[in-house]
Protein backbone atom coordinates (compact mmCIF):
# COMPACT_ATOMS: atom_id res chain seq x y z
CA MET A 1 0.18 -0.05 -0.15
CA LYS A 2 2.82 2.35 0.67
CA LYS A 3 4.78 1.41 -2.18
CA ILE A 4 1.25 2.39 -4.35
CA PHE A 5 1.13 5.76 -2.55
CA ILE A 6 4.54 6.54 -3.18
CA LEU A 7 4.01 5.67 -7.15
CA ILE A 8 0.91 7.88 -6.97
CA VAL A 9 2.67 10.46 -5.57
CA GLY A 10 5.63 10.77 -8.12
CA LEU A 11 3.42 10.28 -11.04
CA MET A 12 1.22 13.97 -9.65
CA LEU A 13 4.81 15.59 -9.33
CA LEU A 14 5.64 14.41 -12.44
CA LEU A 15 2.26 15.83 -14.93
CA SER A 16 2.80 19.01 -12.10
CA SER A 17 6.36 19.37 -13.56
CA CYS A 18 5.35 18.78 -17.14
CA ASP A 19 2.45 21.01 -16.68
CA SER A 20 4.41 23.69 -15.60
CA GLY A 21 6.99 23.36 -18.06
CA LYS A 22 4.38 23.90 -20.66
CA ASP A 23 2.97 27.07 -19.05
CA SER A 24 6.79 28.48 -18.71
CA LYS A 25 7.45 27.58 -22.41
CA GLN A 26 4.43 29.83 -23.14
CA VAL A 27 5.16 32.56 -21.39
CA GLN A 28 8.66 32.40 -22.63
CA VAL A 29 7.55 32.40 -26.10
CA LYS A 30 5.22 35.51 -25.48
CA GLU A 31 8.22 37.43 -23.62
CA SER A 32 10.58 36.65 -26.64
CA GLU A 33 8.37 37.91 -29.11
CA LYS A 34 7.93 41.01 -27.28
CA ALA A 35 11.56 41.50 -26.69
CA GLN A 36 13.19 44.74 -27.50
CA VAL A 37 10.42 44.98 -30.42
CA VAL A 38 10.65 48.90 -31.27
CA VAL A 39 8.29 49.65 -34.43
CA PRO A 40 8.88 52.80 -36.40
CA PHE A 41 5.66 54.71 -38.09
CA LEU A 42 4.94 57.85 -39.64
CA THR A 43 2.82 60.30 -38.11
CA TYR A 44 0.89 63.05 -39.91
CA TYR A 45 0.99 66.91 -39.15
CA ASN A 46 -1.47 69.88 -40.49
CA ASN A 47 1.14 73.17 -41.20
CA LYS A 48 0.66 76.50 -42.92
CA GLU A 49 -3.22 76.58 -42.54
CA GLY A 50 -3.32 73.23 -44.15
CA LYS A 51 -1.77 73.52 -47.44
CA GLU A 52 1.30 70.89 -46.14
CA VAL A 53 1.41 68.25 -43.83
CA ILE A 54 4.39 67.05 -42.45
CA ALA A 55 5.55 63.47 -41.84
CA LYS A 56 7.18 62.68 -38.91
CA LEU A 57 9.26 59.51 -37.25
CA SER A 58 7.55 57.92 -34.20
CA TYR A 59 7.97 54.55 -32.61
CA TRP A 60 5.39 52.02 -30.74
CA ASP A 61 7.86 50.34 -28.24
CA LEU A 62 5.75 46.93 -27.93
CA LYS A 63 7.60 45.86 -24.79
CA ASN A 64 7.19 48.69 -22.20
CA ASN A 65 3.41 49.64 -23.70
CA LYS A 66 5.23 53.29 -25.23
CA VAL A 67 4.23 55.48 -28.15
CA ASN A 68 6.92 57.94 -28.35
CA PHE A 69 7.03 61.18 -30.69
CA THR A 70 9.82 62.63 -32.38
CA ASP A 71 10.58 66.12 -34.07
CA LYS A 72 12.66 63.87 -36.79
CA VAL A 73 10.79 65.16 -40.42
CA VAL A 74 10.75 62.84 -42.98
CA TYR A 75 9.23 64.29 -45.65
CA THR A 76 6.67 67.25 -46.49
CA THR A 77 3.83 66.87 -48.62
CA PHE A 78 1.93 69.72 -50.46
CA LEU A 79 -1.66 69.33 -50.15
CA ASN A 80 -3.84 70.04 -53.43
CA VAL A 81 -7.24 68.26 -54.47
CA ASN A 82 -5.77 64.60 -55.70
CA SER A 83 -3.17 64.42 -52.50
CA ILE A 84 -2.21 61.58 -50.96
CA VAL A 85 -0.08 62.00 -48.20
CA GLU A 86 1.40 58.21 -47.32
CA PRO A 87 4.66 57.15 -49.51
CA ILE A 88 3.86 54.31 -52.03
CA MET A 89 6.61 52.29 -49.81
CA TRP A 90 8.60 52.85 -46.85
CA ASP A 91 10.71 50.05 -45.41
CA GLY A 92 10.79 51.42 -41.96
CA ASN A 93 14.30 52.82 -42.51
CA LYS A 94 16.00 54.83 -44.88
CA LYS A 95 14.10 53.35 -48.38
CA ILE A 96 11.33 55.12 -49.38
CA VAL A 97 8.98 55.70 -52.66
CA SER A 98 7.05 58.86 -52.61
CA PHE A 99 4.81 60.81 -55.16
CA LYS A 100 5.81 64.16 -56.93
CA ASN A 101 3.99 66.33 -54.43
CA SER A 102 6.48 64.86 -51.05
CA THR A 103 9.50 66.42 -50.81
CA PRO A 104 11.83 64.34 -48.52
CA ASP A 105 14.02 65.69 -45.64
CA ASN A 106 17.09 65.23 -43.40
CA GLU A 107 19.34 62.17 -44.44
CA TYR A 108 15.90 60.68 -46.28
CA LYS A 109 16.55 63.31 -49.19
CA ASN A 110 19.62 61.33 -50.59
CA SER A 111 17.62 57.57 -50.11
CA THR A 112 13.95 58.30 -51.56
CA LYS A 113 12.87 57.70 -54.74
CA VAL A 114 10.24 60.19 -56.18
CA ILE A 115 7.50 59.00 -58.64
CA LYS A 116 6.35 61.43 -61.13
CA ASP A 117 3.84 59.81 -62.82
CA LEU A 118 1.92 56.09 -62.10
CA ARG A 119 1.99 53.55 -64.55
CA PHE A 120 1.44 50.64 -62.19
CA ASP A 121 3.99 49.04 -63.77
CA THR A 122 6.70 48.53 -60.37
CA ILE A 123 6.34 46.33 -57.38
CA TYR A 124 8.11 47.03 -54.43
CA GLY A 125 8.84 44.44 -52.14
CA ARG A 126 11.68 43.16 -49.57
CA ASN A 127 14.72 44.48 -50.80
CA ILE A 128 13.58 44.39 -54.47
CA GLU A 129 12.10 46.18 -57.08
CA ALA A 130 10.29 44.41 -60.06
CA LYS A 131 9.47 46.72 -63.24
CA LYS A 132 7.31 44.77 -66.02
CA ASN A 133 7.71 44.87 -68.99
CA LEU A 134 5.25 44.57 -71.99
CA ASP A 135 5.33 42.59 -75.33
CA ILE A 136 4.06 45.28 -77.25
CA ASN A 137 4.88 42.94 -80.28
CA ARG A 138 1.36 41.22 -79.54
CA VAL A 139 -1.94 41.63 -77.87
CA ASN A 140 -4.19 39.18 -76.70
CA LYS A 141 -7.38 37.92 -78.70
CA ASP A 142 -9.69 41.07 -78.10
CA LYS A 143 -6.48 43.10 -78.64
CA SER A 144 -7.85 45.24 -75.48
CA PHE A 145 -3.83 45.11 -74.02
CA TYR A 146 -0.21 43.81 -74.29
CA PRO A 147 0.91 41.01 -72.43
CA ASN A 148 3.42 41.17 -69.50
CA LYS A 149 6.62 39.90 -71.11
CA ASP A 150 9.22 40.18 -68.54
CA TYR A 151 10.41 42.07 -65.65
CA ASN A 152 13.75 44.04 -64.88
CA LEU A 153 14.70 42.81 -61.09
CA PHE A 154 16.94 45.50 -59.16
CA LEU A 155 18.25 43.03 -55.97
CA ASN A 156 19.61 44.63 -53.00
CA ASN A 157 22.35 42.50 -51.23
CA GLU A 158 23.36 42.29 -47.75
CA ASP A 159 26.45 44.67 -48.69
CA GLY A 160 24.50 47.39 -49.79
CA SER A 161 25.25 46.82 -53.37
CA ILE A 162 22.50 46.63 -55.94
CA ILE A 163 22.21 43.67 -58.76
CA GLU A 164 20.21 43.78 -62.09
CA LYS A 165 18.62 40.96 -63.43
CA LYS A 166 15.94 40.08 -66.29
CA VAL A 167 13.38 37.17 -65.95
CA ALA A 168 9.75 36.11 -67.33
CA PHE A 169 7.62 35.19 -65.02
CA LEU A 170 4.94 32.97 -67.27
CA PHE A 171 3.34 29.85 -66.43
CA LYS A 172 1.44 27.96 -68.85
CA THR A 173 -1.57 25.77 -67.23
CA LYS A 174 -5.04 24.89 -67.97
CA ASP A 175 -8.50 26.37 -66.57
CA GLU A 176 -11.23 24.12 -65.59
CA ASN A 177 -12.93 23.77 -69.02
CA SER A 178 -9.25 22.66 -70.51
CA ASN A 179 -8.52 26.09 -72.15
CA GLU A 180 -4.84 27.22 -71.99
CA ILE A 181 -3.95 30.36 -69.50
CA VAL A 182 -0.70 32.03 -68.90
CA ILE A 183 -0.07 33.01 -65.28
CA GLY A 184 1.76 36.14 -64.83
CA GLU A 185 0.71 37.42 -68.70
CA VAL A 186 -2.02 39.72 -67.27
CA ASP A 187 -1.91 40.75 -64.10
CA ILE A 188 0.82 42.38 -61.61
CA PRO A 189 2.33 39.81 -58.97
CA SER A 190 0.21 39.58 -55.83
CA TYR A 191 3.60 40.29 -53.61
CA VAL A 192 7.56 39.98 -54.46
CA ASP A 193 10.23 39.59 -52.31
CA TYR A 194 13.99 38.62 -52.00
CA ASN A 195 15.62 37.01 -49.19
CA ASN A 196 19.22 38.47 -49.36
CA LYS A 197 20.58 35.74 -47.09
CA ILE A 198 20.18 32.73 -49.25
CA GLY A 199 19.38 34.83 -52.44
CA GLU A 200 15.47 33.63 -53.08
CA ILE A 201 13.28 35.39 -55.45
CA THR A 202 9.62 35.03 -54.85
CA PHE A 203 6.92 36.44 -57.18
CA ILE A 204 2.75 35.28 -56.34
CA PHE A 205 0.56 35.71 -58.24
CA LYS A 206 -3.43 35.20 -58.23
CA TYR A 207 -5.81 33.48 -60.48
CA PHE A 208 -9.77 32.96 -60.37
CA PHE A 209 -11.32 29.89 -61.40
CA GLN A 210 -15.15 29.36 -62.09
CA THR A 211 -15.02 26.89 -59.30
CA HIS A 212 -11.82 28.19 -57.23
CA SER A 213 -9.27 30.67 -56.10
CA SER A 214 -5.33 29.81 -56.75
CA LEU A 215 -2.45 31.22 -55.69
CA PHE A 216 0.92 30.47 -57.96
CA VAL A 217 4.01 30.90 -56.24
CA ALA A 218 7.29 31.09 -58.73
CA LYS A 219 10.74 30.92 -56.81
CA CYS A 220 13.95 31.11 -58.42
CA ASN A 221 17.63 32.03 -57.14
CA ALA A 222 19.51 35.13 -58.56
CA ASP A 223 22.52 33.15 -58.86
CA ASN A 224 20.37 30.75 -61.10
CA ILE A 225 17.76 33.33 -62.47
CA GLU A 226 16.19 31.14 -65.43
CA LYS A 227 15.31 28.00 -63.20
CA ILE A 228 11.90 28.92 -61.64
CA ASN A 229 10.27 26.37 -59.90
CA TRP A 230 5.75 26.98 -59.64
CA GLN A 231 3.65 25.86 -57.47
CA GLU A 232 -0.04 26.11 -57.20
CA ILE A 233 -1.73 26.97 -53.99
CA ARG A 234 -5.32 26.63 -53.57
CA LEU A 235 -7.67 28.57 -51.44
CA SER A 236 -10.07 26.59 -48.76
CA LYS A 237 -13.63 27.75 -49.97
CA GLU A 238 -13.76 29.90 -46.47
CA ILE A 239 -11.28 32.33 -47.81
CA ILE A 240 -13.12 35.25 -49.76
CA ALA A 241 -10.28 36.55 -52.11
CA GLY A 242 -11.87 38.41 -54.86
CA GLY A 243 -13.27 41.83 -55.58
CA GLY A 244 -11.99 44.81 -53.16
CA LEU A 245 -10.35 42.06 -51.16
CA THR A 246 -8.09 40.45 -54.09
CA PRO A 247 -4.47 40.58 -52.75
CA TYR A 248 -2.02 42.91 -54.06
CA PRO A 249 1.42 44.02 -52.38
CA SER A 250 -0.74 47.23 -50.84
CA THR A 251 -2.84 44.96 -49.03
CA SER A 252 -0.76 41.86 -48.49
CA VAL A 253 1.81 40.81 -46.26
CA LEU A 254 4.84 37.78 -46.93
CA ILE A 255 6.68 37.06 -43.69
CA GLY A 256 8.74 33.64 -43.90
CA SER A 257 6.51 31.54 -45.68
CA LYS A 258 3.60 32.78 -44.35
CA TYR A 259 1.79 35.08 -46.63
CA TYR A 260 -1.33 36.86 -45.07
CA ILE A 261 -4.50 37.92 -46.73
CA GLN A 262 -7.66 39.85 -46.46
CA SER A 263 -10.55 37.78 -46.26
CA SER A 264 -13.76 39.38 -45.81
CA LEU A 265 -14.47 40.16 -42.22
CA SER A 266 -11.76 37.76 -41.27
CA PHE A 267 -8.12 37.31 -42.37
CA ALA A 268 -6.23 34.78 -43.79
CA GLU A 269 -3.27 32.90 -43.65
CA VAL A 270 -1.60 30.90 -47.10
CA ASP A 271 1.63 28.47 -45.73
CA LEU A 272 3.82 28.57 -48.91
CA ASP A 273 5.82 25.52 -47.85
CA LYS A 274 2.71 23.48 -46.82
CA LYS A 275 0.66 24.27 -49.69
CA GLN A 276 -1.91 25.12 -47.35
CA SER A 277 -4.34 28.10 -46.54
CA ARG A 278 -7.07 28.70 -43.53
CA ILE A 279 -8.96 31.11 -42.05
CA LEU A 280 -7.02 33.20 -38.72
CA ASP A 281 -9.92 32.57 -36.31
CA ASP A 282 -8.07 32.96 -33.54
CA VAL A 283 -6.33 36.24 -34.78
CA SER A 284 -9.80 37.50 -35.62
CA LYS A 285 -11.27 36.90 -32.30
CA ILE A 286 -8.54 38.48 -30.30
CA CYS A 287 -8.97 41.87 -32.87
CA ARG A 288 -12.61 41.71 -32.40
CA SER A 289 -12.30 41.31 -28.45
CA ILE A 290 -9.93 44.06 -27.48
CA VAL A 291 -12.47 46.96 -27.59
CA LYS A 292 -16.22 46.97 -26.50
CA GLU A 293 -17.98 48.68 -29.72
CA GLY A 294 -20.86 51.02 -29.74
CA ASN A 295 -23.77 51.23 -31.76
CA PHE A 296 -22.60 53.28 -35.04
CA VAL A 297 -23.23 50.95 -37.73
CA PRO A 298 -20.96 51.77 -41.12
CA ASP A 299 -22.43 51.66 -45.30
CA TYR A 300 -19.09 49.51 -45.26
CA PRO A 301 -17.35 46.39 -44.01
CA LYS A 302 -15.33 46.05 -41.00
CA ASP A 303 -12.66 44.28 -42.71
CA ILE A 304 -8.97 43.09 -40.83
CA LYS A 305 -6.40 44.73 -43.05
CA PRO A 306 -2.83 44.38 -43.31
CA VAL A 307 -0.81 47.93 -42.91
CA GLY A 308 2.46 47.15 -41.76
CA ILE A 309 5.34 44.78 -41.59
CA TYR A 310 8.55 45.43 -39.46
CA ASP A 311 11.18 42.59 -38.27
CA ASP A 312 8.55 40.12 -38.95
CA ILE A 313 5.88 41.91 -36.69
CA LEU A 314 2.58 42.25 -38.76
CA ILE A 315 0.48 45.24 -38.29
CA LEU A 316 -3.15 45.02 -38.82
CA ASN A 317 -6.19 47.47 -39.10
CA ILE A 318 -9.30 47.03 -37.39
CA PRO A 319 -12.44 49.26 -37.95
CA VAL A 320 -14.20 49.72 -34.30
CA SER A 321 -17.73 51.28 -34.07
CA SER A 322 -18.33 54.06 -31.42
CA ASP A 323 -21.95 55.23 -30.54
CA THR A 324 -21.11 58.51 -32.76
CA GLY A 325 -18.85 56.89 -35.77
CA MET A 326 -15.68 54.51 -36.64
CA GLU A 327 -12.79 54.72 -34.67
CA TYR A 328 -9.08 51.97 -35.91
CA LEU A 329 -7.63 49.93 -33.97
CA ILE A 330 -4.13 49.16 -34.77
CA CYS A 331 -2.70 45.57 -33.74
CA ALA A 332 0.83 44.06 -33.52
CA PHE A 333 1.06 40.04 -33.95
CA LYS A 334 4.18 38.11 -34.41
CA ASN A 335 3.61 34.45 -35.00
CA ASN A 336 0.47 34.82 -34.63
CA ILE A 337 0.93 35.71 -31.05
CA PHE A 338 -0.83 39.23 -30.02
CA LEU A 339 2.06 41.84 -28.78
CA GLY A 340 -0.31 44.79 -28.01
CA ALA A 341 -2.39 47.32 -29.74
CA ILE A 342 -3.64 51.38 -30.35
CA HIS A 343 -6.64 52.28 -30.19
CA LEU A 344 -7.19 55.60 -32.19
CA ARG A 345 -10.30 57.32 -31.03
CA TYR A 346 -12.92 59.51 -32.50
CA ASN A 347 -11.98 62.10 -29.46
CA ASP A 348 -8.42 62.80 -30.28
CA MET A 349 -7.22 60.06 -27.35
CA TRP A 350 -4.77 56.99 -28.30
CA SER A 351 -5.40 54.18 -26.21
CA ILE A 352 -2.00 52.24 -25.72
CA ILE A 353 -3.02 48.42 -24.83
CA ASP A 354 -0.42 45.78 -23.89
CA GLN A 355 -0.47 41.78 -24.77
CA ASN A 356 -3.07 41.32 -21.85
CA LYS A 357 -5.74 43.54 -23.69
CA LYS A 358 -4.93 45.89 -20.64
CA ILE A 359 -5.31 49.77 -21.42
CA ILE A 360 -1.52 50.96 -20.47
CA GLU A 361 -1.84 54.75 -21.02
CA GLU A 362 -3.65 57.15 -22.83
CA ILE A 363 -2.39 59.85 -24.71
CA ASN A 364 -3.94 63.34 -25.81
CA VAL A 365 -3.14 64.29 -29.21
CA LYS A 366 -5.40 67.18 -29.58
CA ASP A 367 -2.81 69.55 -29.20
CA LYS A 368 -0.52 68.14 -31.84
CA ASN A 369 -2.48 69.13 -34.92
CA LEU A 370 -2.56 66.12 -36.35
CA TYR A 371 -3.61 65.47 -40.36
CA LYS A 372 -6.86 63.33 -40.52
CA GLU A 373 -8.47 60.94 -42.78
CA PHE A 374 -12.45 60.02 -42.66
CA ASN A 375 -12.08 62.36 -39.04
CA LEU A 376 -9.26 60.00 -37.51
CA ASN A 377 -5.57 60.33 -37.25
CA PHE A 378 -3.89 58.76 -39.86
CA LEU A 379 -0.75 56.54 -39.31
CA TYR A 380 1.54 54.97 -41.64
CA PHE A 381 3.81 51.58 -41.04
CA PRO A 382 6.31 50.02 -43.27
CA PHE A 383 4.89 48.31 -46.17
CA TYR A 384 5.41 47.70 -49.48
CA GLY A 385 3.28 48.79 -52.78
CA VAL A 386 2.82 49.62 -56.77
CA SER A 387 3.91 52.43 -58.98
């Protein structure tokens, strides 16, 4: 009897130790995700009676749940009827591509590329700029457009050098009715990426069949540019990826092998390595549970949108209702783990929220004279796009 008692006690201690280790590991994971995480973003200030908007550098300290404003001017935008204040892309450091009505300042003068005319033929991604070339010697069957021919790639290496390559991303396959189609012939890529540590180039294209939607992923190495590996990833039926939710460089994010896209009121993840896709229910539930919403009902869907990427940190924007209008909730995730949020409220108050969904600080920005869009303070996080 005594032996049995000792055996039971020993087993209980072993199980307790395993559970404790599991909890400790989970805490370590969360703490490691937050370690020294500071995300830069641009805050916009009105100037000269509303004729200019000044973009200044700010920082979101996710470890200490702080927002730090600085006086460092990144660029100034001169407003007119069709002005766009955000840049076309910003890597979070010195590289910026901006519109012609913006003038870079300080150390950004030498690292900013100003686009005079939008042609929508250049796609920007991590360490890569891809300019498409049209095949002007032929048109499609109904003569409505010139098909894409190839791309000039400008690859940024770790040592600061830039190498140029030319490659055609065209893949022949068939649709449900056995008609031949060419992926990459018509549309721009949904995303481009260059991993300069291993030399891997990734192009992602979307195609909407009659029965389903697919992503076509093309990968090659900068040292062997002609050897392209193509794979099709069929999106699960739960993912809505067409129409206004079509993935583009300015509406989707690639982090490692995980490609994040919008999906109506939810959010989706496509694993390029496993060729699998799924709705991120946990991410959606976390985002929706942070703020208690009011009674205001907008005339547009409250979609979760990716609005930034920095050091593998995914930044999402979730519209939330107050009793009188719409507000923005900016959420930060890493490896699908919630790190914190900023609630941009209608009354010029910012709520800084920690990973436990608790409000740590309230910031009154009313006296900062911040630029607004749709009556809310406008922020810009590092992101990519098309010019």
